[in-house]
Amino acid sequence: MDRQAHLVNDSIGIRALAIVGSIFAVSVFLYILRIYVRVMPRYQLDGSDYCASFALLAEAITFSFFAAAVAFGLGRHSVFVSPEDGASILRCLFAIAVAGLWASALARISVVYLLLTLSTCRGGARVILWSMCVLQVGALVVMETLTLLQCRPIHATWEHVPDAHCLSIKTMQAGGYLYTGVGILGDLVFAIMPIALIWNLNRSKLERCLVSFLLASGLFATAAAVTRLFYIKTFDFTSSDIFRDIMPTFFWCRIEEVALIAASSLPFLKASTENQLRKLGFAGFRNIQMPLQSYHSQSPSSDSRRCEFIVREEMVCESSKSDREVEAGGSTSSSTTGSH
C-alpha cells in the first residue's frame, strides 16, 4: 500500500508511441520512395515489393492498436487502470501480437526475394536463402498458432472466463525465443551474404561499400531483437504492475518491426543515394576497367598444349628420318646383291 501511495499517475506509453511513430514515419517515407523508383519510368514491381507492401499494412494495423492501447492506459501503473480499460488493453495487445508477427516476417521475406534476384546469387547462396525463407515461414506459423490458441475460449486471453484453458507461460516464452532466434539468424545471414555477393561485381569499391551497407541495414533490427530477448528473459509475467512493466518488451518489438520495414526499402534507393554522394564530391561510382587478355593468356593450359604439339612434331620428324635411312640402306643392299 505504501508503494501504491507513492506511485504517480503518468504514462511511459506516450513517449514509446512517439519514438515508434517517428521511425514508422521514416519507414513509410522510404517505402514511398521505393515504390516510386520501381514504377517510374518503368513498372518493375515484383514479389519483394508486394511482401514489403503487406508488411507495411500489417505494421500500420499494429501501430493503430498500439495507439489505442496507450489511450486505454498501456504504460501506466496498473492501479490506475480500470478493469474495463485493462480488458481493452489486453484485447489490443492480442491484435498487435497477431499483426506484428506478419509485419516482421514479411519484411524479412522481402529481403530474401531481393537477394535471390541478384545475378551473382547462385548455387549454395540460393540454397541458404531458401532455407532461411522456409525457417521464417515455419517460425511464423508456429508463433501464430501459439498466439491464437494460447487460451480456449479465445476471449479468455483478455478477460476472466471460468474453466478456461491457457498455455503455460514457459510455452509462450519458448515460442518467442524460437521466433526471435530465427529472425536474428536471418538478419545476420542477410547482412553477411551480400558482402560476398556484391564484392565480386565489376564495380568501384565505394559503390560496393554503399550497396553492402544498404543491404546490411537490417542489423539495426537485429540489435532491437537482441534487446527484446533480454527483456523477455527478465520479464515477470506475474507482476502486479503488468501494464507498465511490459512496455520495454513491447517497445523493442515494435522497433524491430519498423526497422525491418525501413531496411527492406533502403537497397532500392541506391541510385538516389549515389546522386547525393556525387553532389557532395564522391566521384567513385563507375565500372572498373578490366584489361583484355589474349586467347592464349586466358587459357592456362595453352602453353603446355603447344609444347606437347612441338614434341610430337619432332618425334614424327625423327621417325620419318629413320624410315628414310632404312629405305636407303635396303636399296643399297639390293643393288649390291644384284651386282654379285
C-alpha atoms as a PDB file:
ATOM      1  CA  MET A   1       0.000   0.000   0.000  1.00  0.00           C
ATOM      2  CA  ASP A   2       2.875   2.398   0.779  1.00  0.00           C
ATOM      3  CA  ARG A   3       4.337   1.725  -2.654  1.00  0.00           C
ATOM      4  CA  GLN A   4       0.999   2.419  -4.341  1.00  0.00           C
ATOM      5  CA  ALA A   5       0.635   5.636  -2.388  1.00  0.00           C
ATOM      6  CA  HIS A   6       3.858   6.957  -3.890  1.00  0.00           C
ATOM      7  CA  LEU A   7       3.027   5.965  -7.468  1.00  0.00           C
ATOM      8  CA  VAL A   8       2.483   8.750  -9.969  1.00  0.00           C
ATOM      9  CA  ASN A   9      -0.376   8.507 -12.437  1.00  0.00           C
ATOM     10  CA  ASP A  10       1.793   9.063 -15.511  1.00  0.00           C
ATOM     11  CA  SER A  11       2.418   7.021 -18.654  1.00  0.00           C
ATOM     12  CA  ILE A  12       5.588   5.875 -20.391  1.00  0.00           C
ATOM     13  CA  GLY A  13       3.456   4.680 -23.291  1.00  0.00           C
ATOM     14  CA  ILE A  14       3.145   8.126 -24.871  1.00  0.00           C
ATOM     15  CA  ARG A  15       6.907   8.515 -25.198  1.00  0.00           C
ATOM     16  CA  ALA A  16       7.261   4.983 -26.598  1.00  0.00           C
ATOM     17  CA  LEU A  17       4.444   5.676 -29.056  1.00  0.00           C
ATOM     18  CA  ALA A  18       6.164   8.871 -30.221  1.00  0.00           C
ATOM     19  CA  ILE A  19       9.510   7.117 -30.808  1.00  0.00           C
ATOM     20  CA  VAL A  20       7.979   4.176 -32.654  1.00  0.00           C
ATOM     21  CA  GLY A  21       5.745   6.530 -34.626  1.00  0.00           C
ATOM     22  CA  SER A  22       8.717   8.630 -35.743  1.00  0.00           C
ATOM     23  CA  ILE A  23      10.656   5.604 -37.023  1.00  0.00           C
ATOM     24  CA  PHE A  24       7.499   4.229 -38.613  1.00  0.00           C
ATOM     25  CA  ALA A  25       7.007   7.535 -40.441  1.00  0.00           C
ATOM     26  CA  VAL A  26      10.561   7.257 -41.800  1.00  0.00           C
ATOM     27  CA  SER A  27       9.796   3.687 -42.895  1.00  0.00           C
ATOM     28  CA  VAL A  28       6.677   4.840 -44.730  1.00  0.00           C
ATOM     29  CA  PHE A  29       8.658   7.606 -46.440  1.00  0.00           C
ATOM     30  CA  LEU A  30      11.349   5.135 -47.559  1.00  0.00           C
ATOM     31  CA  TYR A  31       8.651   2.758 -48.789  1.00  0.00           C
ATOM     32  CA  ILE A  32       7.032   5.516 -50.873  1.00  0.00           C
ATOM     33  CA  LEU A  33      10.406   6.361 -52.427  1.00  0.00           C
ATOM     34  CA  ARG A  34      10.984   2.690 -53.118  1.00  0.00           C
ATOM     35  CA  ILE A  35       7.681   2.265 -54.937  1.00  0.00           C
ATOM     36  CA  TYR A  36       8.276   5.475 -56.891  1.00  0.00           C
ATOM     37  CA  VAL A  37      11.650   4.357 -58.242  1.00  0.00           C
ATOM     38  CA  ARG A  38      10.186   0.925 -59.006  1.00  0.00           C
ATOM     39  CA  VAL A  39       7.324   2.215 -61.140  1.00  0.00           C
ATOM     40  CA  MET A  40       8.952   5.290 -62.714  1.00  0.00           C
ATOM     41  CA  PRO A  41       9.798   5.403 -65.540  1.00  0.00           C
ATOM     42  CA  ARG A  42       9.098   1.675 -65.970  1.00  0.00           C
ATOM     43  CA  TYR A  43       6.911  -0.687 -63.928  1.00  0.00           C
ATOM     44  CA  GLN A  44       9.242  -3.144 -62.146  1.00  0.00           C
ATOM     45  CA  LEU A  45       7.322  -4.294 -59.073  1.00  0.00           C
ATOM     46  CA  ASP A  46       7.924  -7.911 -58.072  1.00  0.00           C
ATOM     47  CA  GLY A  47       7.466 -10.265 -55.129  1.00  0.00           C
ATOM     48  CA  SER A  48       9.846  -8.283 -52.935  1.00  0.00           C
ATOM     49  CA  ASP A  49       7.742  -5.134 -53.331  1.00  0.00           C
ATOM     50  CA  TYR A  50       4.490  -6.985 -52.669  1.00  0.00           C
ATOM     51  CA  CYS A  51       5.868  -8.568 -49.486  1.00  0.00           C
ATOM     52  CA  ALA A  52       7.070  -5.159 -48.298  1.00  0.00           C
ATOM     53  CA  SER A  53       3.637  -3.677 -49.039  1.00  0.00           C
ATOM     54  CA  PHE A  54       1.823  -6.288 -46.960  1.00  0.00           C
ATOM     55  CA  ALA A  55       4.427  -5.890 -44.200  1.00  0.00           C
ATOM     56  CA  LEU A  56       3.740  -2.153 -44.134  1.00  0.00           C
ATOM     57  CA  LEU A  57      -0.013  -2.800 -43.998  1.00  0.00           C
ATOM     58  CA  ALA A  58       0.437  -5.215 -41.085  1.00  0.00           C
ATOM     59  CA  GLU A  59       2.599  -2.679 -39.260  1.00  0.00           C
ATOM     60  CA  ALA A  60       0.021   0.066 -39.833  1.00  0.00           C
ATOM     61  CA  ILE A  61      -2.583  -2.168 -38.166  1.00  0.00           C
ATOM     62  CA  THR A  62      -0.128  -2.904 -35.355  1.00  0.00           C
ATOM     63  CA  PHE A  63       0.620   0.766 -34.771  1.00  0.00           C
ATOM     64  CA  SER A  64      -3.091   1.635 -34.732  1.00  0.00           C
ATOM     65  CA  PHE A  65      -3.762  -0.904 -31.982  1.00  0.00           C
ATOM     66  CA  PHE A  66      -0.650   0.335 -30.179  1.00  0.00           C
ATOM     67  CA  ALA A  67      -2.054   3.863 -30.113  1.00  0.00           C
ATOM     68  CA  ALA A  68      -5.409   2.515 -28.897  1.00  0.00           C
ATOM     69  CA  ALA A  69      -3.719   0.517 -26.119  1.00  0.00           C
ATOM     70  CA  VAL A  70      -1.820   3.607 -24.943  1.00  0.00           C
ATOM     71  CA  ALA A  71      -5.084   5.549 -24.935  1.00  0.00           C
ATOM     72  CA  PHE A  72      -6.637   2.868 -22.709  1.00  0.00           C
ATOM     73  CA  GLY A  73      -3.709   3.046 -20.279  1.00  0.00           C
ATOM     74  CA  LEU A  74      -0.815   0.924 -21.560  1.00  0.00           C
ATOM     75  CA  GLY A  75       2.336   2.308 -19.949  1.00  0.00           C
ATOM     76  CA  ARG A  76       0.545   3.490 -16.805  1.00  0.00           C
ATOM     77  CA  HIS A  77       0.711   1.810 -13.428  1.00  0.00           C
ATOM     78  CA  SER A  78      -1.906  -0.933 -13.249  1.00  0.00           C
ATOM     79  CA  VAL A  79      -3.530   0.516 -10.139  1.00  0.00           C
ATOM     80  CA  PHE A  80      -4.637   3.499 -12.222  1.00  0.00           C
ATOM     81  CA  VAL A  81      -6.168   1.343 -14.972  1.00  0.00           C
ATOM     82  CA  SER A  82      -9.804   0.285 -14.577  1.00  0.00           C
ATOM     83  CA  PRO A  83     -10.765  -3.371 -15.184  1.00  0.00           C
ATOM     84  CA  GLU A  84     -12.671  -2.357 -18.321  1.00  0.00           C
ATOM     85  CA  ASP A  85      -9.670  -0.470 -19.711  1.00  0.00           C
ATOM     86  CA  GLY A  86      -7.409  -3.356 -18.703  1.00  0.00           C
ATOM     87  CA  ALA A  87      -9.522  -5.762 -20.760  1.00  0.00           C
ATOM     88  CA  SER A  88      -9.384  -3.349 -23.706  1.00  0.00           C
ATOM     89  CA  ILE A  89      -5.582  -3.138 -23.419  1.00  0.00           C
ATOM     90  CA  LEU A  90      -5.243  -6.931 -23.439  1.00  0.00           C
ATOM     91  CA  ARG A  91      -7.553  -7.125 -26.447  1.00  0.00           C
ATOM     92  CA  CYS A  92      -5.360  -4.612 -28.284  1.00  0.00           C
ATOM     93  CA  LEU A  93      -2.193  -6.486 -27.302  1.00  0.00           C
ATOM     94  CA  PHE A  94      -3.652  -9.693 -28.721  1.00  0.00           C
ATOM     95  CA  ALA A  95      -4.365  -7.979 -32.060  1.00  0.00           C
ATOM     96  CA  ILE A  96      -0.882  -6.439 -32.030  1.00  0.00           C
ATOM     97  CA  ALA A  97       0.733  -9.851 -31.497  1.00  0.00           C
ATOM     98  CA  VAL A  98      -1.153 -11.362 -34.437  1.00  0.00           C
ATOM     99  CA  ALA A  99      -0.460  -8.499 -36.874  1.00  0.00           C
ATOM    100  CA  GLY A 100       3.065  -7.714 -35.691  1.00  0.00           C
ATOM    101  CA  LEU A 101       4.315 -11.227 -36.438  1.00  0.00           C
ATOM    102  CA  TRP A 102       3.267 -10.817 -40.065  1.00  0.00           C
ATOM    103  CA  ALA A 103       4.971  -7.416 -40.326  1.00  0.00           C
ATOM    104  CA  SER A 104       8.420  -8.670 -39.318  1.00  0.00           C
ATOM    105  CA  ALA A 105       8.166 -11.980 -41.214  1.00  0.00           C
ATOM    106  CA  LEU A 106       7.063 -10.393 -44.498  1.00  0.00           C
ATOM    107  CA  ALA A 107       9.771  -7.730 -44.256  1.00  0.00           C
ATOM    108  CA  ARG A 108      12.426 -10.450 -43.954  1.00  0.00           C
ATOM    109  CA  ILE A 109      10.913 -12.461 -46.814  1.00  0.00           C
ATOM    110  CA  SER A 110      11.040  -9.289 -48.924  1.00  0.00           C
ATOM    111  CA  VAL A 111      14.802  -9.123 -48.337  1.00  0.00           C
ATOM    112  CA  VAL A 112      15.148 -12.818 -49.261  1.00  0.00           C
ATOM    113  CA  TYR A 113      13.356 -12.219 -52.553  1.00  0.00           C
ATOM    114  CA  LEU A 114      15.604  -9.243 -53.284  1.00  0.00           C
ATOM    115  CA  LEU A 115      18.795 -11.246 -52.691  1.00  0.00           C
ATOM    116  CA  LEU A 116      17.519 -14.103 -54.853  1.00  0.00           C
ATOM    117  CA  THR A 117      17.177 -11.723 -57.808  1.00  0.00           C
ATOM    118  CA  LEU A 118      20.853 -10.746 -57.712  1.00  0.00           C
ATOM    119  CA  SER A 119      22.707 -12.079 -60.743  1.00  0.00           C
ATOM    120  CA  THR A 120      25.595 -13.221 -58.531  1.00  0.00           C
ATOM    121  CA  CYS A 121      23.317 -15.311 -56.300  1.00  0.00           C
ATOM    122  CA  ARG A 122      23.792 -18.895 -57.442  1.00  0.00           C
ATOM    123  CA  GLY A 123      24.273 -22.410 -56.112  1.00  0.00           C
ATOM    124  CA  GLY A 124      24.886 -22.566 -52.374  1.00  0.00           C
ATOM    125  CA  ALA A 125      23.759 -18.986 -51.759  1.00  0.00           C
ATOM    126  CA  ARG A 126      20.308 -19.734 -53.180  1.00  0.00           C
ATOM    127  CA  VAL A 127      20.021 -22.865 -51.036  1.00  0.00           C
ATOM    128  CA  ILE A 128      20.849 -20.855 -47.909  1.00  0.00           C
ATOM    129  CA  LEU A 129      18.343 -18.123 -48.774  1.00  0.00           C
ATOM    130  CA  TRP A 130      15.539 -20.587 -49.493  1.00  0.00           C
ATOM    131  CA  SER A 131      16.337 -22.406 -46.243  1.00  0.00           C
ATOM    132  CA  MET A 132      16.093 -19.150 -44.290  1.00  0.00           C
ATOM    133  CA  CYS A 133      12.794 -18.377 -46.016  1.00  0.00           C
ATOM    134  CA  VAL A 134      11.380 -21.772 -45.018  1.00  0.00           C
ATOM    135  CA  LEU A 135      12.600 -21.293 -41.430  1.00  0.00           C
ATOM    136  CA  GLN A 136      10.999 -17.850 -41.267  1.00  0.00           C
ATOM    137  CA  VAL A 137       7.656 -19.135 -42.551  1.00  0.00           C
ATOM    138  CA  GLY A 138       7.815 -22.102 -40.173  1.00  0.00           C
ATOM    139  CA  ALA A 139       8.549 -19.881 -37.166  1.00  0.00           C
ATOM    140  CA  LEU A 140       5.686 -17.580 -38.202  1.00  0.00           C
ATOM    141  CA  VAL A 141       3.226 -20.485 -38.400  1.00  0.00           C
ATOM    142  CA  VAL A 142       4.326 -21.852 -35.008  1.00  0.00           C
ATOM    143  CA  MET A 143       4.103 -18.490 -33.242  1.00  0.00           C
ATOM    144  CA  GLU A 144       0.787 -17.530 -34.838  1.00  0.00           C
ATOM    145  CA  THR A 145      -0.665 -20.893 -33.800  1.00  0.00           C
ATOM    146  CA  LEU A 146       0.520 -20.430 -30.220  1.00  0.00           C
ATOM    147  CA  THR A 147      -0.881 -16.894 -30.154  1.00  0.00           C
ATOM    148  CA  LEU A 148      -4.307 -17.888 -31.476  1.00  0.00           C
ATOM    149  CA  LEU A 149      -4.570 -20.997 -29.292  1.00  0.00           C
ATOM    150  CA  GLN A 150      -2.982 -19.694 -26.110  1.00  0.00           C
ATOM    151  CA  CYS A 151      -6.374 -19.697 -24.406  1.00  0.00           C
ATOM    152  CA  ARG A 152      -9.583 -21.630 -25.039  1.00  0.00           C
ATOM    153  CA  PRO A 153     -12.006 -19.945 -25.422  1.00  0.00           C
ATOM    154  CA  ILE A 154     -10.021 -17.231 -27.147  1.00  0.00           C
ATOM    155  CA  HIS A 155     -11.625 -14.327 -25.258  1.00  0.00           C
ATOM    156  CA  ALA A 156     -10.109 -15.736 -22.081  1.00  0.00           C
ATOM    157  CA  THR A 157      -6.926 -14.041 -23.284  1.00  0.00           C
ATOM    158  CA  TRP A 158      -8.259 -10.601 -22.305  1.00  0.00           C
ATOM    159  CA  GLU A 159     -10.974 -11.322 -19.737  1.00  0.00           C
ATOM    160  CA  HIS A 160     -11.679 -13.762 -16.949  1.00  0.00           C
ATOM    161  CA  VAL A 161     -13.535 -16.879 -18.106  1.00  0.00           C
ATOM    162  CA  PRO A 162     -14.354 -19.706 -15.681  1.00  0.00           C
ATOM    163  CA  ASP A 163     -12.797 -23.104 -16.559  1.00  0.00           C
ATOM    164  CA  ALA A 164     -10.687 -21.580 -19.345  1.00  0.00           C
ATOM    165  CA  HIS A 165      -7.607 -23.492 -20.510  1.00  0.00           C
ATOM    166  CA  CYS A 166      -4.479 -21.497 -21.359  1.00  0.00           C
ATOM    167  CA  LEU A 167      -0.980 -22.490 -22.401  1.00  0.00           C
ATOM    168  CA  SER A 168       1.761 -22.168 -19.821  1.00  0.00           C
ATOM    169  CA  ILE A 169       3.981 -19.108 -19.685  1.00  0.00           C
ATOM    170  CA  LYS A 170       7.035 -21.263 -20.476  1.00  0.00           C
ATOM    171  CA  THR A 171       5.390 -22.491 -23.675  1.00  0.00           C
ATOM    172  CA  MET A 172       4.734 -18.949 -24.854  1.00  0.00           C
ATOM    173  CA  GLN A 173       8.270 -17.931 -23.904  1.00  0.00           C
ATOM    174  CA  ALA A 174       9.691 -20.852 -25.892  1.00  0.00           C
ATOM    175  CA  GLY A 175       7.690 -19.744 -28.921  1.00  0.00           C
ATOM    176  CA  GLY A 176       9.000 -16.216 -28.513  1.00  0.00           C
ATOM    177  CA  TYR A 177      12.586 -17.451 -28.278  1.00  0.00           C
ATOM    178  CA  LEU A 178      12.116 -19.568 -31.412  1.00  0.00           C
ATOM    179  CA  TYR A 179      10.637 -16.764 -33.491  1.00  0.00           C
ATOM    180  CA  THR A 180      13.166 -14.175 -32.333  1.00  0.00           C
ATOM    181  CA  GLY A 181      16.101 -16.574 -32.763  1.00  0.00           C
ATOM    182  CA  VAL A 182      15.119 -17.408 -36.344  1.00  0.00           C
ATOM    183  CA  GLY A 183      14.716 -13.706 -37.057  1.00  0.00           C
ATOM    184  CA  ILE A 184      18.153 -12.839 -35.663  1.00  0.00           C
ATOM    185  CA  LEU A 185      19.760 -15.671 -37.639  1.00  0.00           C
ATOM    186  CA  GLY A 186      18.056 -14.464 -40.803  1.00  0.00           C
ATOM    187  CA  ASP A 187      19.155 -10.866 -40.242  1.00  0.00           C
ATOM    188  CA  LEU A 188      22.773 -11.965 -39.807  1.00  0.00           C
ATOM    189  CA  VAL A 189      22.667 -14.106 -42.961  1.00  0.00           C
ATOM    190  CA  PHE A 190      21.048 -11.293 -44.961  1.00  0.00           C
ATOM    191  CA  ALA A 191      23.729  -8.878 -43.742  1.00  0.00           C
ATOM    192  CA  ILE A 192      26.792 -11.081 -44.330  1.00  0.00           C
ATOM    193  CA  MET A 193      25.806 -12.776 -47.591  1.00  0.00           C
ATOM    194  CA  PRO A 194      25.514  -9.562 -49.692  1.00  0.00           C
ATOM    195  CA  ILE A 195      29.142  -8.751 -48.908  1.00  0.00           C
ATOM    196  CA  ALA A 196      30.230 -11.948 -50.661  1.00  0.00           C
ATOM    197  CA  LEU A 197      27.730 -11.481 -53.498  1.00  0.00           C
ATOM    198  CA  ILE A 198      28.372  -7.794 -54.143  1.00  0.00           C
ATOM    199  CA  TRP A 199      32.137  -7.740 -53.620  1.00  0.00           C
ATOM    200  CA  ASN A 200      32.797  -9.808 -56.753  1.00  0.00           C
ATOM    201  CA  LEU A 201      30.933  -7.395 -59.016  1.00  0.00           C
ATOM    202  CA  ASN A 202      32.794  -5.254 -61.537  1.00  0.00           C
ATOM    203  CA  ARG A 203      32.065  -2.034 -59.623  1.00  0.00           C
ATOM    204  CA  SER A 204      34.101   0.525 -57.700  1.00  0.00           C
ATOM    205  CA  LYS A 205      34.960  -0.124 -54.068  1.00  0.00           C
ATOM    206  CA  LEU A 206      32.896   2.880 -52.930  1.00  0.00           C
ATOM    207  CA  GLU A 207      29.818   1.584 -54.722  1.00  0.00           C
ATOM    208  CA  ARG A 208      30.264  -1.913 -53.330  1.00  0.00           C
ATOM    209  CA  CYS A 209      30.579  -0.474 -49.815  1.00  0.00           C
ATOM    210  CA  LEU A 210      27.392   1.544 -50.311  1.00  0.00           C
ATOM    211  CA  VAL A 211      25.383  -1.437 -51.569  1.00  0.00           C
ATOM    212  CA  SER A 212      26.706  -3.668 -48.779  1.00  0.00           C
ATOM    213  CA  PHE A 213      25.714  -1.075 -46.176  1.00  0.00           C
ATOM    214  CA  LEU A 214      22.212  -0.693 -47.606  1.00  0.00           C
ATOM    215  CA  LEU A 215      21.670  -4.453 -47.707  1.00  0.00           C
ATOM    216  CA  ALA A 216      23.114  -4.915 -44.200  1.00  0.00           C
ATOM    217  CA  SER A 217      20.948  -2.210 -42.619  1.00  0.00           C
ATOM    218  CA  GLY A 218      18.771  -4.958 -41.135  1.00  0.00           C
ATOM    219  CA  LEU A 219      21.381  -5.284 -38.380  1.00  0.00           C
ATOM    220  CA  PHE A 220      19.659  -2.359 -36.648  1.00  0.00           C
ATOM    221  CA  ALA A 221      16.625  -4.626 -36.311  1.00  0.00           C
ATOM    222  CA  THR A 222      18.917  -7.376 -35.023  1.00  0.00           C
ATOM    223  CA  ALA A 223      20.103  -5.095 -32.223  1.00  0.00           C
ATOM    224  CA  ALA A 224      16.479  -4.399 -31.281  1.00  0.00           C
ATOM    225  CA  ALA A 225      15.674  -8.133 -31.332  1.00  0.00           C
ATOM    226  CA  VAL A 226      18.606  -8.953 -29.037  1.00  0.00           C
ATOM    227  CA  THR A 227      17.459  -6.256 -26.615  1.00  0.00           C
ATOM    228  CA  ARG A 228      13.931  -7.661 -26.721  1.00  0.00           C
ATOM    229  CA  LEU A 229      15.270 -11.139 -25.897  1.00  0.00           C
ATOM    230  CA  PHE A 230      16.868  -9.709 -22.762  1.00  0.00           C
ATOM    231  CA  TYR A 231      13.584  -8.177 -21.621  1.00  0.00           C
ATOM    232  CA  ILE A 232      11.641 -11.357 -22.416  1.00  0.00           C
ATOM    233  CA  LYS A 233      14.016 -13.362 -20.248  1.00  0.00           C
ATOM    234  CA  THR A 234      13.839 -10.938 -17.322  1.00  0.00           C
ATOM    235  CA  PHE A 235      10.130 -10.110 -17.576  1.00  0.00           C
ATOM    236  CA  ASP A 236       7.927 -11.135 -14.638  1.00  0.00           C
ATOM    237  CA  PHE A 237       4.651 -12.408 -16.091  1.00  0.00           C
ATOM    238  CA  THR A 238       3.110 -12.443 -12.603  1.00  0.00           C
ATOM    239  CA  SER A 239       3.861  -8.762 -11.981  1.00  0.00           C
ATOM    240  CA  SER A 240       1.117  -6.759 -10.324  1.00  0.00           C
ATOM    241  CA  ASP A 241       2.133  -3.765 -12.464  1.00  0.00           C
ATOM    242  CA  ILE A 242       1.848  -5.608 -15.775  1.00  0.00           C
ATOM    243  CA  PHE A 243       0.735  -2.689 -17.947  1.00  0.00           C
ATOM    244  CA  ARG A 244       3.843  -0.662 -17.126  1.00  0.00           C
ATOM    245  CA  ASP A 245       6.407  -3.453 -16.813  1.00  0.00           C
ATOM    246  CA  ILE A 246       5.537  -4.884 -20.233  1.00  0.00           C
ATOM    247  CA  MET A 247       6.414  -1.664 -22.063  1.00  0.00           C
ATOM    248  CA  PRO A 248      10.168  -2.311 -22.623  1.00  0.00           C
ATOM    249  CA  THR A 249       9.494  -5.705 -24.229  1.00  0.00           C
ATOM    250  CA  PHE A 250       6.629  -4.295 -26.241  1.00  0.00           C
ATOM    251  CA  PHE A 251       8.613  -1.207 -27.282  1.00  0.00           C
ATOM    252  CA  TRP A 252      11.637  -3.100 -28.651  1.00  0.00           C
ATOM    253  CA  CYS A 253       9.373  -5.493 -30.506  1.00  0.00           C
ATOM    254  CA  ARG A 254       7.814  -2.571 -32.385  1.00  0.00           C
ATOM    255  CA  ILE A 255      11.236  -1.016 -33.022  1.00  0.00           C
ATOM    256  CA  GLU A 256      12.372  -4.276 -34.613  1.00  0.00           C
ATOM    257  CA  GLU A 257       9.363  -4.325 -36.940  1.00  0.00           C
ATOM    258  CA  VAL A 258       9.646  -0.754 -38.209  1.00  0.00           C
ATOM    259  CA  ALA A 259      13.431  -1.083 -38.584  1.00  0.00           C
ATOM    260  CA  LEU A 260      12.940  -4.191 -40.738  1.00  0.00           C
ATOM    261  CA  ILE A 261      10.473  -2.386 -42.990  1.00  0.00           C
ATOM    262  CA  ALA A 262      12.887   0.518 -43.412  1.00  0.00           C
ATOM    263  CA  ALA A 263      15.786  -1.868 -44.108  1.00  0.00           C
ATOM    264  CA  SER A 264      13.805  -3.721 -46.777  1.00  0.00           C
ATOM    265  CA  SER A 265      13.359  -0.468 -48.746  1.00  0.00           C
ATOM    266  CA  LEU A 266      16.838   1.041 -48.422  1.00  0.00           C
ATOM    267  CA  PRO A 267      18.599  -1.080 -51.115  1.00  0.00           C
ATOM    268  CA  PHE A 268      16.226   0.266 -53.771  1.00  0.00           C
ATOM    269  CA  LEU A 269      17.372   3.824 -53.055  1.00  0.00           C
ATOM    270  CA  LYS A 270      20.926   3.152 -54.248  1.00  0.00           C
ATOM    271  CA  ALA A 271      20.673   5.402 -57.316  1.00  0.00           C
ATOM    272  CA  SER A 272      19.280   8.325 -55.308  1.00  0.00           C
ATOM    273  CA  THR A 273      21.989   7.886 -52.687  1.00  0.00           C
ATOM    274  CA  GLU A 274      24.674   7.851 -55.394  1.00  0.00           C
ATOM    275  CA  ASN A 275      23.381  11.125 -56.829  1.00  0.00           C
ATOM    276  CA  GLN A 276      23.510  12.793 -53.429  1.00  0.00           C
ATOM    277  CA  LEU A 277      27.030  11.494 -52.760  1.00  0.00           C
ATOM    278  CA  ARG A 278      28.191  12.780 -56.145  1.00  0.00           C
ATOM    279  CA  LYS A 279      26.889  16.228 -55.221  1.00  0.00           C
ATOM    280  CA  LEU A 280      28.991  16.002 -52.051  1.00  0.00           C
ATOM    281  CA  GLY A 281      32.091  15.234 -54.104  1.00  0.00           C
ATOM    282  CA  PHE A 282      32.220  11.435 -54.014  1.00  0.00           C
ATOM    283  CA  ALA A 283      33.014  10.611 -57.648  1.00  0.00           C
ATOM    284  CA  GLY A 284      33.727   6.912 -57.310  1.00  0.00           C
ATOM    285  CA  PHE A 285      30.709   5.258 -58.881  1.00  0.00           C
ATOM    286  CA  ARG A 286      31.888   3.726 -62.130  1.00  0.00           C
ATOM    287  CA  ASN A 287      32.701   0.364 -63.612  1.00  0.00           C
ATOM    288  CA  ILE A 288      36.219  -0.930 -63.137  1.00  0.00           C
ATOM    289  CA  GLN A 289      38.090  -1.135 -66.446  1.00  0.00           C
ATOM    290  CA  MET A 290      39.371  -4.687 -66.749  1.00  0.00           C
ATOM    291  CA  PRO A 291      42.333  -5.242 -69.152  1.00  0.00           C
ATOM    292  CA  LEU A 292      41.617  -7.563 -72.053  1.00  0.00           C
ATOM    293  CA  GLN A 293      43.689 -10.703 -72.281  1.00  0.00           C
ATOM    294  CA  SER A 294      44.814 -12.664 -75.324  1.00  0.00           C
ATOM    295  CA  TYR A 295      43.385 -16.028 -76.168  1.00  0.00           C
ATOM    296  CA  HIS A 296      46.491 -17.885 -75.017  1.00  0.00           C
ATOM    297  CA  SER A 297      46.704 -15.990 -71.715  1.00  0.00           C
ATOM    298  CA  GLN A 298      43.062 -16.760 -70.964  1.00  0.00           C
ATOM    299  CA  SER A 299      43.724 -20.469 -71.415  1.00  0.00           C
ATOM    300  CA  PRO A 300      46.202 -21.569 -68.727  1.00  0.00           C
ATOM    301  CA  SER A 301      46.942 -24.861 -70.484  1.00  0.00           C
ATOM    302  CA  SER A 302      47.685 -23.413 -73.941  1.00  0.00           C
ATOM    303  CA  ASP A 303      51.463 -23.318 -73.349  1.00  0.00           C
ATOM    304  CA  SER A 304      51.567 -26.936 -72.279  1.00  0.00           C
ATOM    305  CA  ARG A 305      49.439 -27.956 -75.266  1.00  0.00           C
ATOM    306  CA  ARG A 306      51.777 -26.023 -77.580  1.00  0.00           C
ATOM    307  CA  CYS A 307      54.838 -27.756 -76.071  1.00  0.00           C
ATOM    308  CA  GLU A 308      53.213 -31.156 -76.465  1.00  0.00           C
ATOM    309  CA  PHE A 309      52.475 -30.354 -80.113  1.00  0.00           C
ATOM    310  CA  ILE A 310      56.132 -29.402 -80.785  1.00  0.00           C
ATOM    311  CA  VAL A 311      57.400 -32.594 -79.130  1.00  0.00           C
ATOM    312  CA  ARG A 312      55.040 -34.694 -81.217  1.00  0.00           C
ATOM    313  CA  GLU A 313      56.201 -32.918 -84.405  1.00  0.00           C
ATOM    314  CA  GLU A 314      59.853 -33.586 -83.524  1.00  0.00           C
ATOM    315  CA  MET A 315      59.073 -37.243 -82.875  1.00  0.00           C
ATOM    316  CA  VAL A 316      57.321 -37.528 -86.246  1.00  0.00           C
ATOM    317  CA  CYS A 317      60.294 -35.909 -87.993  1.00  0.00           C
ATOM    318  CA  GLU A 318      62.745 -38.263 -86.294  1.00  0.00           C
ATOM    319  CA  SER A 319      60.582 -41.243 -87.215  1.00  0.00           C
ATOM    320  CA  SER A 320      60.402 -40.136 -90.863  1.00  0.00           C
ATOM    321  CA  LYS A 321      64.156 -39.643 -90.965  1.00  0.00           C
ATOM    322  CA  SER A 322      64.744 -43.126 -89.575  1.00  0.00           C
ATOM    323  CA  ASP A 323      62.389 -44.635 -92.128  1.00  0.00           C
ATOM    324  CA  ARG A 324      64.232 -42.904 -94.966  1.00  0.00           C
ATOM    325  CA  GLU A 325      67.577 -44.173 -93.691  1.00  0.00           C
ATOM    326  CA  VAL A 326      66.236 -47.726 -93.504  1.00  0.00           C
ATOM    327  CA  GLU A 327      64.856 -47.488 -97.035  1.00  0.00           C
ATOM    328  CA  ALA A 328      68.174 -46.110 -98.311  1.00  0.00           C
ATOM    329  CA  GLY A 329      70.077 -48.941 -96.636  1.00  0.00           C
ATOM    330  CA  GLY A 330      67.731 -51.524 -98.157  1.00  0.00           C
ATOM    331  CA  SER A 331      68.188 -50.111-101.659  1.00  0.00           C
ATOM    332  CA  THR A 332      71.998 -50.249-101.346  1.00  0.00           C
ATOM    333  CA  SER A 333      71.904 -53.861-100.232  1.00  0.00           C
ATOM    334  CA  SER A 334      69.680 -54.826-103.140  1.00  0.00           C
ATOM    335  CA  SER A 335      71.939 -53.174-105.678  1.00  0.00           C
ATOM    336  CA  THR A 336      74.975 -54.858-104.160  1.00  0.00           C
ATOM    337  CA  THR A 337      73.307 -58.270-104.296  1.00  0.00           C
ATOM    338  CA  GLY A 338      72.276 -57.710-107.880  1.00  0.00           C
ATOM    339  CA  SER A 339      75.833 -56.849-108.889  1.00  0.00           C
ATOM    340  CA  HIS A 340      77.120 -60.070-107.366  1.00  0.00           C
END
